[in-house]
Amino acid sequence: MTGYSGPVDGYYAAWASLVRQASVLDDLAERATAAQAELRAAFDRDRHALGNDQYGAELAKKLPAMESDIFAAISAHIAELEHTAGGLRANARNYEAAEQPSSAR
């Protein structure tokens, strides 16, 4: 195993790396949440600037469903990032506990 410096036999999990990666996902979720808020503000700001022609009227009819789909997808993405970060942390706790001597438990 190239780059591996853990025990030679058995299974080893770098639980500290799991915690670091959970933090990366937390950051991505925060950034996605901020982007979602900015996008919501842009939709709210520009919703009535669609124009008074037939194209603008048709887009105005379809825009609520389009917005709903967009924000549902972003929310699902954020929820998945948060869920995965939580799972990484839970696994890290389990691996860390398993590495502790039995007297420390």
PDB file of N, CA and C in Angstrom:
ATOM      1  N   MET A   1       0.834  -1.178   0.000  1.00  0.00           N
ATOM      2  CA  MET A   1       0.000   0.000   0.000  1.00  0.00           C
ATOM      3  C   MET A   1       0.879   1.242   0.000  1.00  0.00           C
ATOM      4  N   THR A   2       0.944   1.923  -1.074  1.00  0.00           N
ATOM      5  CA  THR A   2       1.780   3.106  -1.201  1.00  0.00           C
ATOM      6  C   THR A   2       1.228   4.245  -0.348  1.00  0.00           C
ATOM      7  N   GLY A   3       2.111   4.880   0.419  1.00  0.00           N
ATOM      8  CA  GLY A   3       1.704   6.011   1.233  1.00  0.00           C
ATOM      9  C   GLY A   3       1.011   5.637   2.520  1.00  0.00           C
ATOM     10  N   TYR A   4       0.965   4.378   2.838  1.00  0.00           N
ATOM     11  CA  TYR A   4       0.272   3.912   4.034  1.00  0.00           C
ATOM     12  C   TYR A   4       1.286   3.667   5.136  1.00  0.00           C
ATOM     13  N   SER A   5       1.074   4.267   6.308  1.00  0.00           N
ATOM     14  CA  SER A   5       2.028   4.088   7.398  1.00  0.00           C
ATOM     15  C   SER A   5       1.374   3.500   8.645  1.00  0.00           C
ATOM     16  N   GLY A   6       0.190   2.940   8.501  1.00  0.00           N
ATOM     17  CA  GLY A   6      -0.519   2.353   9.641  1.00  0.00           C
ATOM     18  C   GLY A   6      -0.059   0.936   9.908  1.00  0.00           C
ATOM     19  N   PRO A   7      -0.825   0.214  10.699  1.00  0.00           N
ATOM     20  CA  PRO A   7      -0.475  -1.173  11.014  1.00  0.00           C
ATOM     21  C   PRO A   7      -0.374  -2.019   9.746  1.00  0.00           C
ATOM     22  N   VAL A   8       0.488  -3.020   9.787  1.00  0.00           N
ATOM     23  CA  VAL A   8       0.681  -3.855   8.609  1.00  0.00           C
ATOM     24  C   VAL A   8      -0.426  -4.886   8.455  1.00  0.00           C
ATOM     25  N   ASP A   9      -1.019  -5.307   9.535  1.00  0.00           N
ATOM     26  CA  ASP A   9      -2.095  -6.294   9.431  1.00  0.00           C
ATOM     27  C   ASP A   9      -3.380  -5.678   9.980  1.00  0.00           C
ATOM     28  N   GLY A  10      -4.487  -6.170   9.496  1.00  0.00           N
ATOM     29  CA  GLY A  10      -5.776  -5.653   9.954  1.00  0.00           C
ATOM     30  C   GLY A  10      -6.222  -4.438   9.153  1.00  0.00           C
ATOM     31  N   TYR A  11      -7.263  -3.827   9.637  1.00  0.00           N
ATOM     32  CA  TYR A  11      -7.880  -2.695   8.956  1.00  0.00           C
ATOM     33  C   TYR A  11      -7.600  -1.429   9.745  1.00  0.00           C
ATOM     34  N   TYR A  12      -7.304  -0.353   9.054  1.00  0.00           N
ATOM     35  CA  TYR A  12      -7.034   0.916   9.704  1.00  0.00           C
ATOM     36  C   TYR A  12      -7.858   2.002   9.022  1.00  0.00           C
ATOM     37  N   ALA A  13      -8.524   2.816   9.809  1.00  0.00           N
ATOM     38  CA  ALA A  13      -9.280   3.947   9.277  1.00  0.00           C
ATOM     39  C   ALA A  13      -8.667   5.231   9.818  1.00  0.00           C
ATOM     40  N   ALA A  14      -8.411   6.159   8.942  1.00  0.00           N
ATOM     41  CA  ALA A  14      -7.861   7.458   9.344  1.00  0.00           C
ATOM     42  C   ALA A  14      -9.024   8.346   9.767  1.00  0.00           C
ATOM     43  N   TRP A  15      -9.494   8.129  11.002  1.00  0.00           N
ATOM     44  CA  TRP A  15     -10.699   8.821  11.460  1.00  0.00           C
ATOM     45  C   TRP A  15     -10.531  10.330  11.479  1.00  0.00           C
ATOM     46  N   ALA A  16      -9.334  10.836  11.729  1.00  0.00           N
ATOM     47  CA  ALA A  16      -9.125  12.291  11.712  1.00  0.00           C
ATOM     48  C   ALA A  16      -9.366  12.852  10.309  1.00  0.00           C
ATOM     49  N   SER A  17      -9.046  12.073   9.297  1.00  0.00           N
ATOM     50  CA  SER A  17      -9.318  12.498   7.918  1.00  0.00           C
ATOM     51  C   SER A  17     -10.816  12.561   7.655  1.00  0.00           C
ATOM     52  N   LEU A  18     -11.557  11.646   8.248  1.00  0.00           N
ATOM     53  CA  LEU A  18     -13.013  11.677   8.104  1.00  0.00           C
ATOM     54  C   LEU A  18     -13.575  12.966   8.696  1.00  0.00           C
ATOM     55  N   VAL A  19     -13.049  13.363   9.847  1.00  0.00           N
ATOM     56  CA  VAL A  19     -13.496  14.606  10.485  1.00  0.00           C
ATOM     57  C   VAL A  19     -13.154  15.804   9.602  1.00  0.00           C
ATOM     58  N   ARG A  20     -11.952  15.813   9.036  1.00  0.00           N
ATOM     59  CA  ARG A  20     -11.559  16.917   8.143  1.00  0.00           C
ATOM     60  C   ARG A  20     -12.473  16.983   6.921  1.00  0.00           C
ATOM     61  N   GLN A  21     -12.769  15.840   6.346  1.00  0.00           N
ATOM     62  CA  GLN A  21     -13.632  15.837   5.164  1.00  0.00           C
ATOM     63  C   GLN A  21     -15.055  16.266   5.512  1.00  0.00           C
ATOM     64  N   ALA A  22     -15.511  15.942   6.711  1.00  0.00           N
ATOM     65  CA  ALA A  22     -16.830  16.409   7.151  1.00  0.00           C
ATOM     66  C   ALA A  22     -16.845  17.935   7.198  1.00  0.00           C
ATOM     67  N   SER A  23     -15.748  18.531   7.638  1.00  0.00           N
ATOM     68  CA  SER A  23     -15.648  19.994   7.676  1.00  0.00           C
ATOM     69  C   SER A  23     -15.672  20.589   6.270  1.00  0.00           C
ATOM     70  N   VAL A  24     -15.046  19.897   5.325  1.00  0.00           N
ATOM     71  CA  VAL A  24     -15.088  20.343   3.926  1.00  0.00           C
ATOM     72  C   VAL A  24     -16.538  20.343   3.432  1.00  0.00           C
ATOM     73  N   LEU A  25     -17.273  19.293   3.756  1.00  0.00           N
ATOM     74  CA  LEU A  25     -18.676  19.220   3.343  1.00  0.00           C
ATOM     75  C   LEU A  25     -19.514  20.283   4.041  1.00  0.00           C
ATOM     76  N   ASP A  26     -19.206  20.576   5.312  1.00  0.00           N
ATOM     77  CA  ASP A  26     -19.901  21.661   6.013  1.00  0.00           C
ATOM     78  C   ASP A  26     -19.704  22.980   5.276  1.00  0.00           C
ATOM     79  N   ASP A  27     -18.470  23.231   4.846  1.00  0.00           N
ATOM     80  CA  ASP A  27     -18.171  24.459   4.114  1.00  0.00           C
ATOM     81  C   ASP A  27     -18.938  24.505   2.791  1.00  0.00           C
ATOM     82  N   LEU A  28     -18.979  23.395   2.096  1.00  0.00           N
ATOM     83  CA  LEU A  28     -19.731  23.339   0.833  1.00  0.00           C
ATOM     84  C   LEU A  28     -21.218  23.586   1.069  1.00  0.00           C
ATOM     85  N   ALA A  29     -21.757  23.025   2.144  1.00  0.00           N
ATOM     86  CA  ALA A  29     -23.173  23.232   2.465  1.00  0.00           C
ATOM     87  C   ALA A  29     -23.442  24.702   2.787  1.00  0.00           C
ATOM     88  N   GLU A  30     -22.537  25.335   3.527  1.00  0.00           N
ATOM     89  CA  GLU A  30     -22.695  26.761   3.838  1.00  0.00           C
ATOM     90  C   GLU A  30     -22.642  27.604   2.572  1.00  0.00           C
ATOM     91  N   ARG A  31     -21.716  27.279   1.687  1.00  0.00           N
ATOM     92  CA  ARG A  31     -21.599  28.027   0.434  1.00  0.00           C
ATOM     93  C   ARG A  31     -22.831  27.814  -0.444  1.00  0.00           C
ATOM     94  N   ALA A  32     -23.335  26.599  -0.486  1.00  0.00           N
ATOM     95  CA  ALA A  32     -24.541  26.321  -1.276  1.00  0.00           C
ATOM     96  C   ALA A  32     -25.750  27.045  -0.686  1.00  0.00           C
ATOM     97  N   THR A  33     -25.819  27.119   0.640  1.00  0.00           N
ATOM     98  CA  THR A  33     -26.915  27.835   1.294  1.00  0.00           C
ATOM     99  C   THR A  33     -26.851  29.323   0.964  1.00  0.00           C
ATOM    100  N   ALA A  34     -25.648  29.886   0.982  1.00  0.00           N
ATOM    101  CA  ALA A  34     -25.482  31.299   0.624  1.00  0.00           C
ATOM    102  C   ALA A  34     -25.848  31.536  -0.840  1.00  0.00           C
ATOM    103  N   ALA A  35     -25.427  30.641  -1.718  1.00  0.00           N
ATOM    104  CA  ALA A  35     -25.762  30.768  -3.142  1.00  0.00           C
ATOM    105  C   ALA A  35     -27.267  30.668  -3.350  1.00  0.00           C
ATOM    106  N   GLN A  36     -27.908  29.778  -2.603  1.00  0.00           N
ATOM    107  CA  GLN A  36     -29.359  29.633  -2.697  1.00  0.00           C
ATOM    108  C   GLN A  36     -30.051  30.936  -2.285  1.00  0.00           C
ATOM    109  N   ALA A  37     -29.569  31.555  -1.212  1.00  0.00           N
ATOM    110  CA  ALA A  37     -30.155  32.817  -0.758  1.00  0.00           C
ATOM    111  C   ALA A  37     -29.954  33.919  -1.802  1.00  0.00           C
ATOM    112  N   GLU A  38     -28.766  33.962  -2.404  1.00  0.00           N
ATOM    113  CA  GLU A  38     -28.504  34.955  -3.452  1.00  0.00           C
ATOM    114  C   GLU A  38     -29.400  34.722  -4.667  1.00  0.00           C
ATOM    115  N   LEU A  39     -29.578  33.468  -5.025  1.00  0.00           N
ATOM    116  CA  LEU A  39     -30.439  33.149  -6.163  1.00  0.00           C
ATOM    117  C   LEU A  39     -31.886  33.509  -5.862  1.00  0.00           C
ATOM    118  N   ARG A  40     -32.335  33.229  -4.639  1.00  0.00           N
ATOM    119  CA  ARG A  40     -33.700  33.587  -4.237  1.00  0.00           C
ATOM    120  C   ARG A  40     -33.887  35.100  -4.344  1.00  0.00           C
ATOM    121  N   ALA A  41     -32.907  35.859  -3.876  1.00  0.00           N
ATOM    122  CA  ALA A  41     -32.991  37.321  -3.954  1.00  0.00           C
ATOM    123  C   ALA A  41     -33.041  37.787  -5.407  1.00  0.00           C
ATOM    124  N   ALA A  42     -32.272  37.147  -6.276  1.00  0.00           N
ATOM    125  CA  ALA A  42     -32.283  37.514  -7.695  1.00  0.00           C
ATOM    126  C   ALA A  42     -33.638  37.213  -8.327  1.00  0.00           C
ATOM    127  N   PHE A  43     -34.206  36.063  -8.010  1.00  0.00           N
ATOM    128  CA  PHE A  43     -35.539  35.747  -8.535  1.00  0.00           C
ATOM    129  C   PHE A  43     -36.561  36.757  -8.022  1.00  0.00           C
ATOM    130  N   ASP A  44     -36.501  37.064  -6.739  1.00  0.00           N
ATOM    131  CA  ASP A  44     -37.457  38.015  -6.165  1.00  0.00           C
ATOM    132  C   ASP A  44     -37.290  39.401  -6.779  1.00  0.00           C
ATOM    133  N   ARG A  45     -36.042  39.801  -6.997  1.00  0.00           N
ATOM    134  CA  ARG A  45     -35.757  41.120  -7.563  1.00  0.00           C
ATOM    135  C   ARG A  45     -36.216  41.218  -9.021  1.00  0.00           C
ATOM    136  N   ASP A  46     -35.980  40.171  -9.791  1.00  0.00           N
ATOM    137  CA  ASP A  46     -36.189  40.245 -11.236  1.00  0.00           C
ATOM    138  C   ASP A  46     -37.482  39.608 -11.729  1.00  0.00           C
ATOM    139  N   ARG A  47     -38.261  39.086 -10.837  1.00  0.00           N
ATOM    140  CA  ARG A  47     -39.477  38.373 -11.228  1.00  0.00           C
ATOM    141  C   ARG A  47     -40.408  39.224 -12.099  1.00  0.00           C
ATOM    142  N   HIS A  48     -40.491  40.500 -11.796  1.00  0.00           N
ATOM    143  CA  HIS A  48     -41.439  41.351 -12.517  1.00  0.00           C
ATOM    144  C   HIS A  48     -40.796  42.067 -13.702  1.00  0.00           C
ATOM    145  N   ALA A  49     -39.597  41.681 -14.055  1.00  0.00           N
ATOM    146  CA  ALA A  49     -38.901  42.302 -15.185  1.00  0.00           C
ATOM    147  C   ALA A  49     -38.911  41.385 -16.404  1.00  0.00           C
ATOM    148  N   LEU A  50     -39.942  40.583 -16.521  1.00  0.00           N
ATOM    149  CA  LEU A  50     -39.998  39.609 -17.608  1.00  0.00           C
ATOM    150  C   LEU A  50     -40.481  40.216 -18.920  1.00  0.00           C
ATOM    151  N   GLY A  51     -41.012  41.405 -18.844  1.00  0.00           N
ATOM    152  CA  GLY A  51     -41.506  42.048 -20.055  1.00  0.00           C
ATOM    153  C   GLY A  51     -43.012  41.899 -20.177  1.00  0.00           C
ATOM    154  N   ASN A  52     -43.587  42.754 -20.998  1.00  0.00           N
ATOM    155  CA  ASN A  52     -45.038  42.771 -21.175  1.00  0.00           C
ATOM    156  C   ASN A  52     -45.477  42.083 -22.457  1.00  0.00           C
ATOM    157  N   ASP A  53     -44.557  41.429 -23.129  1.00  0.00           N
ATOM    158  CA  ASP A  53     -44.915  40.760 -24.373  1.00  0.00           C
ATOM    159  C   ASP A  53     -45.405  39.334 -24.092  1.00  0.00           C
ATOM    160  N   GLN A  54     -45.722  38.621 -25.157  1.00  0.00           N
ATOM    161  CA  GLN A  54     -46.242  37.256 -25.038  1.00  0.00           C
ATOM    162  C   GLN A  54     -45.218  36.328 -24.378  1.00  0.00           C
ATOM    163  N   TYR A  55     -43.934  36.513 -24.711  1.00  0.00           N
ATOM    164  CA  TYR A  55     -42.885  35.683 -24.126  1.00  0.00           C
ATOM    165  C   TYR A  55     -42.817  35.899 -22.620  1.00  0.00           C
ATOM    166  N   GLY A  56     -42.831  37.164 -22.199  1.00  0.00           N
ATOM    167  CA  GLY A  56     -42.782  37.481 -20.772  1.00  0.00           C
ATOM    168  C   GLY A  56     -43.980  36.922 -20.034  1.00  0.00           C
ATOM    169  N   ALA A  57     -45.158  37.013 -20.648  1.00  0.00           N
ATOM    170  CA  ALA A  57     -46.372  36.496 -20.015  1.00  0.00           C
ATOM    171  C   ALA A  57     -46.307  34.976 -19.869  1.00  0.00           C
ATOM    172  N   GLU A  58     -45.805  34.307 -20.884  1.00  0.00           N
ATOM    173  CA  GLU A  58     -45.692  32.841 -20.822  1.00  0.00           C
ATOM    174  C   GLU A  58     -44.653  32.422 -19.781  1.00  0.00           C
ATOM    175  N   LEU A  59     -43.535  33.125 -19.746  1.00  0.00           N
ATOM    176  CA  LEU A  59     -42.504  32.817 -18.757  1.00  0.00           C
ATOM    177  C   LEU A  59     -43.020  33.061 -17.342  1.00  0.00           C
ATOM    178  N   ALA A  60     -43.795  34.108 -17.158  1.00  0.00           N
ATOM    179  CA  ALA A  60     -44.362  34.401 -15.839  1.00  0.00           C
ATOM    180  C   ALA A  60     -45.247  33.256 -15.355  1.00  0.00           C
ATOM    181  N   LYS A  61     -45.932  32.590 -16.281  1.00  0.00           N
ATOM    182  CA  LYS A  61     -46.774  31.442 -15.907  1.00  0.00           C
ATOM    183  C   LYS A  61     -45.925  30.247 -15.473  1.00  0.00           C
ATOM    184  N   LYS A  62     -44.800  30.056 -16.157  1.00  0.00           N
ATOM    185  CA  LYS A  62     -43.976  28.871 -15.912  1.00  0.00           C
ATOM    186  C   LYS A  62     -42.930  29.074 -14.816  1.00  0.00           C
ATOM    187  N   LEU A  63     -42.626  30.317 -14.504  1.00  0.00           N
ATOM    188  CA  LEU A  63     -41.545  30.607 -13.571  1.00  0.00           C
ATOM    189  C   LEU A  63     -41.740  30.011 -12.175  1.00  0.00           C
ATOM    190  N   PRO A  64     -42.928  30.052 -11.585  1.00  0.00           N
ATOM    191  CA  PRO A  64     -43.065  29.475 -10.239  1.00  0.00           C
ATOM    192  C   PRO A  64     -42.681  27.992 -10.172  1.00  0.00           C
ATOM    193  N   ALA A  65     -43.083  27.216 -11.144  1.00  0.00           N
ATOM    194  CA  ALA A  65     -42.727  25.791 -11.151  1.00  0.00           C
ATOM    195  C   ALA A  65     -41.231  25.611 -11.384  1.00  0.00           C
ATOM    196  N   MET A  66     -40.665  26.434 -12.266  1.00  0.00           N
ATOM    197  CA  MET A  66     -39.226  26.359 -12.518  1.00  0.00           C
ATOM    198  C   MET A  66     -38.446  26.702 -11.246  1.00  0.00           C
ATOM    199  N   GLU A  67     -38.858  27.773 -10.576  1.00  0.00           N
ATOM    200  CA  GLU A  67     -38.205  28.164  -9.321  1.00  0.00           C
ATOM    201  C   GLU A  67     -38.317  27.051  -8.286  1.00  0.00           C
ATOM    202  N   SER A  68     -39.488  26.499  -8.179  1.00  0.00           N
ATOM    203  CA  SER A  68     -39.710  25.430  -7.199  1.00  0.00           C
ATOM    204  C   SER A  68     -38.770  24.256  -7.446  1.00  0.00           C
ATOM    205  N   ASP A  69     -38.637  23.854  -8.696  1.00  0.00           N
ATOM    206  CA  ASP A  69     -37.739  22.740  -9.039  1.00  0.00           C
ATOM    207  C   ASP A  69     -36.277  23.082  -8.739  1.00  0.00           C
ATOM    208  N   ILE A  70     -35.883  24.295  -9.076  1.00  0.00           N
ATOM    209  CA  ILE A  70     -34.500  24.721  -8.839  1.00  0.00           C
ATOM    210  C   ILE A  70     -34.190  24.704  -7.348  1.00  0.00           C
ATOM    211  N   PHE A  71     -35.068  25.312  -6.548  1.00  0.00           N
ATOM    212  CA  PHE A  71     -34.796  25.408  -5.115  1.00  0.00           C
ATOM    213  C   PHE A  71     -34.958  24.066  -4.406  1.00  0.00           C
ATOM    214  N   ALA A  72     -35.808  23.215  -4.928  1.00  0.00           N
ATOM    215  CA  ALA A  72     -35.909  21.858  -4.362  1.00  0.00           C
ATOM    216  C   ALA A  72     -34.613  21.088  -4.605  1.00  0.00           C
ATOM    217  N   ALA A  73     -34.047  21.241  -5.796  1.00  0.00           N
ATOM    218  CA  ALA A  73     -32.788  20.551  -6.109  1.00  0.00           C
ATOM    219  C   ALA A  73     -31.642  21.080  -5.249  1.00  0.00           C
ATOM    220  N   ILE A  74     -31.577  22.394  -5.085  1.00  0.00           N
ATOM    221  CA  ILE A  74     -30.511  22.965  -4.251  1.00  0.00           C
ATOM    222  C   ILE A  74     -30.683  22.519  -2.805  1.00  0.00           C
ATOM    223  N   SER A  75     -31.908  22.543  -2.308  1.00  0.00           N
ATOM    224  CA  SER A  75     -32.162  22.112  -0.927  1.00  0.00           C
ATOM    225  C   SER A  75     -31.803  20.648  -0.728  1.00  0.00           C
ATOM    226  N   ALA A  76     -32.116  19.817  -1.704  1.00  0.00           N
ATOM    227  CA  ALA A  76     -31.761  18.392  -1.614  1.00  0.00           C
ATOM    228  C   ALA A  76     -30.243  18.223  -1.602  1.00  0.00           C
ATOM    229  N   HIS A  77     -29.551  19.015  -2.397  1.00  0.00           N
ATOM    230  CA  HIS A  77     -28.082  18.968  -2.430  1.00  0.00           C
ATOM    231  C   HIS A  77     -27.505  19.352  -1.066  1.00  0.00           C
ATOM    232  N   ILE A  78     -28.020  20.421  -0.488  1.00  0.00           N
ATOM    233  CA  ILE A  78     -27.553  20.869   0.825  1.00  0.00           C
ATOM    234  C   ILE A  78     -27.831  19.802   1.875  1.00  0.00           C
ATOM    235  N   ALA A  79     -29.024  19.238   1.852  1.00  0.00           N
ATOM    236  CA  ALA A  79     -29.374  18.191   2.823  1.00  0.00           C
ATOM    237  C   ALA A  79     -28.451  16.986   2.686  1.00  0.00           C
ATOM    238  N   GLU A  80     -28.105  16.625   1.462  1.00  0.00           N
ATOM    239  CA  GLU A  80     -27.207  15.481   1.246  1.00  0.00           C
ATOM    240  C   GLU A  80     -25.799  15.783   1.755  1.00  0.00           C
ATOM    241  N   LEU A  81     -25.325  16.994   1.531  1.00  0.00           N
ATOM    242  CA  LEU A  81     -24.016  17.384   2.061  1.00  0.00           C
ATOM    243  C   LEU A  81     -24.012  17.296   3.584  1.00  0.00           C
ATOM    244  N   GLU A  82     -25.062  17.818   4.207  1.00  0.00           N
ATOM    245  CA  GLU A  82     -25.149  17.799   5.672  1.00  0.00           C
ATOM    246  C   GLU A  82     -25.266  16.373   6.202  1.00  0.00           C
ATOM    247  N   HIS A  83     -26.053  15.558   5.530  1.00  0.00           N
ATOM    248  CA  HIS A  83     -26.219  14.161   5.941  1.00  0.00           C
ATOM    249  C   HIS A  83     -24.895  13.402   5.831  1.00  0.00           C
ATOM    250  N   THR A  84     -24.201  13.604   4.733  1.00  0.00           N
ATOM    251  CA  THR A  84     -22.923  12.921   4.532  1.00  0.00           C
ATOM    252  C   THR A  84     -21.891  13.380   5.559  1.00  0.00           C
ATOM    253  N   ALA A  85     -21.848  14.682   5.846  1.00  0.00           N
ATOM    254  CA  ALA A  85     -20.922  15.193   6.868  1.00  0.00           C
ATOM    255  C   ALA A  85     -21.232  14.565   8.221  1.00  0.00           C
ATOM    256  N   GLY A  86     -22.505  14.452   8.550  1.00  0.00           N
ATOM    257  CA  GLY A  86     -22.888  13.817   9.813  1.00  0.00           C
ATOM    258  C   GLY A  86     -22.484  12.356   9.857  1.00  0.00           C
ATOM    259  N   GLY A  87     -22.638  11.665   8.744  1.00  0.00           N
ATOM    260  CA  GLY A  87     -22.234  10.263   8.667  1.00  0.00           C
ATOM    261  C   GLY A  87     -20.730  10.095   8.819  1.00  0.00           C
ATOM    262  N   LEU A  88     -19.969  10.993   8.203  1.00  0.00           N
ATOM    263  CA  LEU A  88     -18.512  10.935   8.347  1.00  0.00           C
ATOM    264  C   LEU A  88     -18.104  11.143   9.804  1.00  0.00           C
ATOM    265  N   ARG A  89     -18.758  12.092  10.466  1.00  0.00           N
ATOM    266  CA  ARG A  89     -18.433  12.341  11.880  1.00  0.00           C
ATOM    267  C   ARG A  89     -18.797  11.139  12.750  1.00  0.00           C
ATOM    268  N   ALA A  90     -19.950  10.544  12.491  1.00  0.00           N
ATOM    269  CA  ALA A  90     -20.358   9.367  13.272  1.00  0.00           C
ATOM    270  C   ALA A  90     -19.367   8.225  13.074  1.00  0.00           C
ATOM    271  N   ASN A  91     -18.963   7.994  11.835  1.00  0.00           N
ATOM    272  CA  ASN A  91     -17.976   6.945  11.567  1.00  0.00           C
ATOM    273  C   ASN A  91     -16.646   7.261  12.233  1.00  0.00           C
ATOM    274  N   ALA A  92     -16.237   8.517  12.187  1.00  0.00           N
ATOM    275  CA  ALA A  92     -14.974   8.908  12.821  1.00  0.00           C
ATOM    276  C   ALA A  92     -15.019   8.632  14.320  1.00  0.00           C
ATOM    277  N   ARG A  93     -16.151   8.958  14.958  1.00  0.00           N
ATOM    278  CA  ARG A  93     -16.281   8.680  16.400  1.00  0.00           C
ATOM    279  C   ARG A  93     -16.171   7.189  16.673  1.00  0.00           C
ATOM    280  N   ASN A  94     -16.818   6.386  15.845  1.00  0.00           N
ATOM    281  CA  ASN A  94     -16.766   4.931  16.033  1.00  0.00           C
ATOM    282  C   ASN A  94     -15.347   4.391  15.857  1.00  0.00           C
ATOM    283  N   TYR A  95     -14.673   4.844  14.804  1.00  0.00           N
ATOM    284  CA  TYR A  95     -13.302   4.381  14.575  1.00  0.00           C
ATOM    285  C   TYR A  95     -12.369   4.854  15.686  1.00  0.00           C
ATOM    286  N   GLU A  96     -12.536   6.095  16.117  1.00  0.00           N
ATOM    287  CA  GLU A  96     -11.692   6.614  17.192  1.00  0.00           C
ATOM    288  C   GLU A  96     -11.908   5.811  18.474  1.00  0.00           C
ATOM    289  N   ALA A  97     -13.166   5.527  18.798  1.00  0.00           N
ATOM    290  CA  ALA A  97     -13.467   4.751  20.007  1.00  0.00           C
ATOM    291  C   ALA A  97     -12.869   3.348  19.923  1.00  0.00           C
ATOM    292  N   ALA A  98     -12.895   2.759  18.734  1.00  0.00           N
ATOM    293  CA  ALA A  98     -12.352   1.404  18.569  1.00  0.00           C
ATOM    294  C   ALA A  98     -10.839   1.378  18.760  1.00  0.00           C
ATOM    295  N   GLU A  99     -10.174   2.486  18.480  1.00  0.00           N
ATOM    296  CA  GLU A  99      -8.722   2.544  18.635  1.00  0.00           C
ATOM    297  C   GLU A  99      -8.286   2.775  20.076  1.00  0.00           C
ATOM    298  N   GLN A 100      -9.212   3.235  20.916  1.00  0.00           N
ATOM    299  CA  GLN A 100      -8.856   3.506  22.305  1.00  0.00           C
ATOM    300  C   GLN A 100      -8.671   2.188  23.051  1.00  0.00           C
ATOM    301  N   PRO A 101      -7.733   2.142  23.979  1.00  0.00           N
ATOM    302  CA  PRO A 101      -7.573   0.928  24.787  1.00  0.00           C
ATOM    303  C   PRO A 101      -8.866   0.644  25.553  1.00  0.00           C
ATOM    304  N   SER A 102      -9.150  -0.625  25.784  1.00  0.00           N
ATOM    305  CA  SER A 102     -10.411  -0.995  26.430  1.00  0.00           C
ATOM    306  C   SER A 102     -10.552  -0.370  27.811  1.00  0.00           C
ATOM    307  N   SER A 103      -9.473  -0.066  28.507  1.00  0.00           N
ATOM    308  CA  SER A 103      -9.569   0.563  29.821  1.00  0.00           C
ATOM    309  C   SER A 103     -10.008   2.020  29.720  1.00  0.00           C
ATOM    310  N   ALA A 104      -9.833   2.641  28.554  1.00  0.00           N
ATOM    311  CA  ALA A 104     -10.223   4.040  28.382  1.00  0.00           C
ATOM    312  C   ALA A 104     -11.688   4.172  28.020  1.00  0.00           C
ATOM    313  N   ARG A 105     -12.353   3.089  27.709  1.00  0.00           N
ATOM    314  CA  ARG A 105     -13.755   3.159  27.282  1.00  0.00           C
ATOM    315  C   ARG A 105     -14.690   3.296  28.416  1.00  0.00           C
TER     316      ARG A 105
END
